[in-house]
């Protein structure tokens, strides 16, 4: 609605018919109108901020992620993964979020033990900063540098971490592409 001073006013109008004539046509209504202009302005501001954040996340040359940590296994379960993951590891962000144990399976077999130890150390410090090879869905090996931090106090469940991962393959790439061992490629495809 446009107010007398020219401002747009948002209203929440609720009502019901309280009287009808002899043939059932409504002749009287009762209701209330609430000014929800402030709420609407807040919703619009949040939507604009969300659009800015979405553009930032989708446009960055890194993979933003959020994960919780399984208290039993110590491994991660992603609850958010940037769409950029597909290019780096060949799995969509939806696949990585749906499958709880992609992280250990993606780590190159030669580095799993070391990365597991680094993961355990990060649980004590609350900081993750590591560089290691991962296996792309197509079997090729990529190198990543991943940094993150715990955002919940240690011991709270679920422990939640935020971070980013970047592709650093060009710093490690040999003359010819390296492939994961055949048995690991089959595991990745599964």
Protein backbone atom coordinates (compact mmCIF):
# COMPACT_ATOMS: atom_id res chain seq x y z
CA UNK A 1 0.00 0.00 0.00
CA UNK A 2 1.18 3.55 -0.63
CA UNK A 3 0.85 5.80 2.41
CA UNK A 4 -0.34 9.42 2.18
CA UNK A 5 3.29 10.60 2.34
CA UNK A 6 4.22 8.39 -0.64
CA UNK A 7 6.04 5.67 1.32
CA UNK A 8 5.37 2.04 0.50
CA UNK A 9 3.85 0.31 3.49
CA UNK A 10 3.71 -3.48 3.66
CA UNK A 11 0.64 -4.90 5.36
CA UNK A 12 -0.32 -8.33 6.57
CA UNK A 13 -4.08 -8.39 6.04
CA UNK A 14 -6.06 -11.17 7.69
CA UNK A 15 -9.79 -11.44 7.84
CA UNK A 16 -12.83 -13.61 7.50
CA UNK A 17 -16.42 -13.33 6.49
CA UNK A 18 -18.65 -12.88 9.55
CA UNK A 19 -22.02 -12.36 7.85
CA UNK A 20 -23.68 -13.52 4.64
CA UNK A 21 -26.96 -12.60 2.98
CA UNK A 22 -29.85 -15.03 2.37
CA UNK A 23 -28.23 -16.57 -0.71
CA UNK A 24 -24.77 -16.95 0.88
CA UNK A 25 -22.97 -13.92 -0.50
CA UNK A 26 -20.55 -12.30 1.96
CA UNK A 27 -21.77 -8.94 3.22
CA UNK A 28 -19.55 -8.26 6.25
CA UNK A 29 -15.94 -9.05 7.03
CA UNK A 30 -13.89 -8.73 10.17
CA UNK A 31 -10.14 -8.62 10.27
CA UNK A 32 -6.95 -6.88 11.14
CA UNK A 33 -4.16 -5.22 9.19
CA UNK A 34 -0.67 -5.24 10.63
CA UNK A 35 2.11 -2.97 9.41
CA UNK A 36 4.96 -5.34 8.54
CA UNK A 37 7.10 -2.78 6.72
CA UNK A 38 10.01 -3.16 9.16
CA UNK A 39 9.90 -6.96 8.92
CA UNK A 40 9.81 -6.77 5.12
CA UNK A 41 12.78 -4.38 5.07
CA UNK A 42 14.72 -6.79 7.29
CA UNK A 43 13.84 -9.73 5.02
CA UNK A 44 14.91 -7.75 1.93
CA UNK A 45 18.21 -6.79 3.60
CA UNK A 46 18.88 -10.42 4.55
CA UNK A 47 18.08 -11.57 1.00
CA UNK A 48 20.49 -8.98 -0.42
CA UNK A 49 23.21 -10.03 2.03
CA UNK A 50 22.59 -13.69 1.17
CA UNK A 51 22.97 -12.90 -2.55
CA UNK A 52 26.28 -11.10 -1.89
CA UNK A 53 27.59 -14.02 0.17
CA UNK A 54 26.44 -16.55 -2.45
CA UNK A 55 28.25 -14.57 -5.19
CA UNK A 56 31.36 -14.41 -3.00
CA UNK A 57 31.30 -18.14 -2.22
CA UNK A 58 30.56 -19.19 -5.79
CA UNK A 59 33.14 -16.83 -7.29
CA UNK A 60 36.15 -17.53 -5.10
CA UNK A 61 39.01 -19.63 -6.46
CA UNK A 62 38.79 -21.86 -3.39
CA UNK A 63 36.40 -24.40 -1.94
CA UNK A 64 34.72 -23.16 1.22
CA UNK A 65 33.56 -25.93 3.55
CA UNK A 66 31.93 -26.61 6.87
CA UNK A 67 32.13 -29.97 8.54
CA UNK A 68 31.33 -31.64 11.78
CA UNK A 69 33.64 -34.16 13.33
CA UNK A 70 32.50 -37.69 14.10
CA UNK A 71 33.43 -38.23 17.76
CA UNK A 72 33.91 -41.98 17.25
CA UNK A 73 36.03 -42.10 14.09
CA UNK A 74 37.50 -38.60 14.28
CA UNK A 75 36.78 -38.13 10.57
CA UNK A 76 34.76 -35.37 9.06
CA UNK A 77 31.25 -35.14 7.71
CA UNK A 78 30.72 -32.18 5.44
CA UNK A 79 27.57 -30.16 6.02
CA UNK A 80 28.50 -27.55 3.40
CA UNK A 81 30.87 -27.82 0.47
CA UNK A 82 31.37 -25.20 -2.23
CA UNK A 83 30.42 -26.15 -5.77
CA UNK A 84 34.07 -25.65 -6.79
CA UNK A 85 34.78 -29.12 -5.34
CA UNK A 86 33.53 -30.75 -8.52
CA UNK A 87 36.41 -29.38 -10.58
CA UNK A 88 39.01 -30.38 -8.00
CA UNK A 89 37.86 -33.88 -7.00
CA UNK A 90 35.16 -34.83 -9.52
CA UNK A 91 32.37 -35.11 -6.96
CA UNK A 92 29.54 -32.61 -6.61
CA UNK A 93 29.12 -30.76 -3.36
CA UNK A 94 25.87 -32.69 -2.88
CA UNK A 95 27.71 -36.01 -3.17
CA UNK A 96 30.36 -34.91 -0.70
CA UNK A 97 27.75 -33.77 1.82
CA UNK A 98 25.64 -36.93 1.41
CA UNK A 99 28.53 -39.39 1.84
CA UNK A 100 30.01 -39.10 5.33
CA UNK A 101 33.41 -40.65 4.64
CA UNK A 102 34.54 -39.11 1.36
CA UNK A 103 37.38 -37.28 3.07
CA UNK A 104 39.49 -40.29 4.08
CA UNK A 105 38.75 -42.03 0.78
CA UNK A 106 39.84 -39.01 -1.24
CA UNK A 107 43.23 -38.73 0.45
CA UNK A 108 45.94 -40.49 -1.57
CA UNK A 109 46.71 -43.91 0.02
CA UNK A 110 50.39 -43.01 0.48
CA UNK A 111 49.38 -40.04 2.64
CA UNK A 112 46.34 -41.32 4.56
CA UNK A 113 48.27 -42.25 7.70
CA UNK A 114 50.11 -38.93 7.85
CA UNK A 115 46.92 -36.94 7.16
CA UNK A 116 45.12 -38.97 9.83
CA UNK A 117 47.80 -37.98 12.36
CA UNK A 118 47.56 -34.35 11.26
CA UNK A 119 43.78 -34.57 11.66
CA UNK A 120 44.21 -35.88 15.20
CA UNK A 121 46.67 -33.08 16.01
CA UNK A 122 44.27 -30.47 14.65
CA UNK A 123 41.62 -31.80 17.01
CA UNK A 124 43.88 -30.80 19.90
CA UNK A 125 44.84 -27.38 18.52
CA UNK A 126 41.59 -26.36 16.83
CA UNK A 127 43.49 -25.41 13.67
CA UNK A 128 43.77 -27.38 10.42
CA UNK A 129 46.49 -26.46 7.92
CA UNK A 130 47.79 -29.18 5.63
CA UNK A 131 48.79 -29.88 2.07
CA UNK A 132 48.34 -33.34 0.60
CA UNK A 133 47.37 -35.27 -2.53
CA UNK A 134 43.81 -36.38 -3.21
CA UNK A 135 42.41 -38.70 -5.83
CA UNK A 136 40.03 -37.21 -8.37
CA UNK A 137 37.08 -39.36 -9.39
CA UNK A 138 38.80 -39.95 -12.75
CA UNK A 139 41.82 -41.44 -10.95
CA UNK A 140 44.16 -38.49 -11.42
CA UNK A 141 46.03 -37.11 -8.43
CA UNK A 142 45.51 -33.50 -7.36
CA UNK A 143 47.20 -31.61 -4.57
CA UNK A 144 45.25 -29.46 -2.14
CA UNK A 145 46.09 -27.02 0.61
CA UNK A 146 43.32 -26.92 3.18
CA UNK A 147 43.04 -24.57 6.15
CA UNK A 148 40.31 -24.33 8.74
CA UNK A 149 39.49 -23.83 12.36
CA UNK A 150 37.14 -25.23 14.94
CA UNK A 151 34.29 -22.78 15.59
CA UNK A 152 32.72 -24.61 18.52
CA UNK A 153 34.45 -25.16 21.85
CA UNK A 154 36.41 -28.41 22.03
CA UNK A 155 34.26 -31.22 23.37
CA UNK A 156 30.96 -29.77 22.17
CA UNK A 157 29.12 -32.07 19.86
CA UNK A 158 29.01 -31.85 17.07
CA UNK A 159 32.35 -30.12 16.75
CA UNK A 160 32.04 -27.75 13.82
CA UNK A 161 34.84 -26.52 11.60
CA UNK A 162 34.94 -23.89 8.82
CA UNK A 163 37.65 -23.63 6.22
CA UNK A 164 38.74 -23.38 2.62
CA UNK A 165 40.64 -25.66 0.29
CA UNK A 166 42.65 -24.55 -2.73
CA UNK A 167 44.13 -26.47 -5.63
CA UNK A 168 47.93 -26.42 -5.47
CA UNK A 169 48.50 -29.18 -8.02
CA UNK A 170 50.60 -26.87 -10.19
CA UNK A 171 53.21 -26.70 -7.41
CA UNK A 172 53.50 -30.50 -7.35
CA UNK A 173 52.63 -31.60 -10.88
CA UNK A 174 55.19 -33.91 -12.50
CA UNK A 175 55.91 -33.94 -16.22
CA UNK A 176 53.28 -36.62 -16.79
CA UNK A 177 49.95 -37.03 -14.97
CA UNK A 178 50.07 -39.30 -11.95
CA UNK A 179 47.29 -41.84 -11.53
CA UNK A 180 46.12 -43.48 -8.36
CA UNK A 181 46.66 -47.23 -8.04
CA UNK A 182 43.96 -49.17 -9.92
CA UNK A 183 42.38 -50.63 -6.75
CA UNK A 184 41.96 -47.12 -5.31
CA UNK A 185 40.34 -45.91 -8.53
CA UNK A 186 37.73 -48.66 -8.21
CA UNK A 187 37.08 -47.62 -4.59
CA UNK A 188 36.63 -43.99 -5.67
CA UNK A 189 34.12 -44.96 -8.35
CA UNK A 190 32.05 -46.91 -5.79
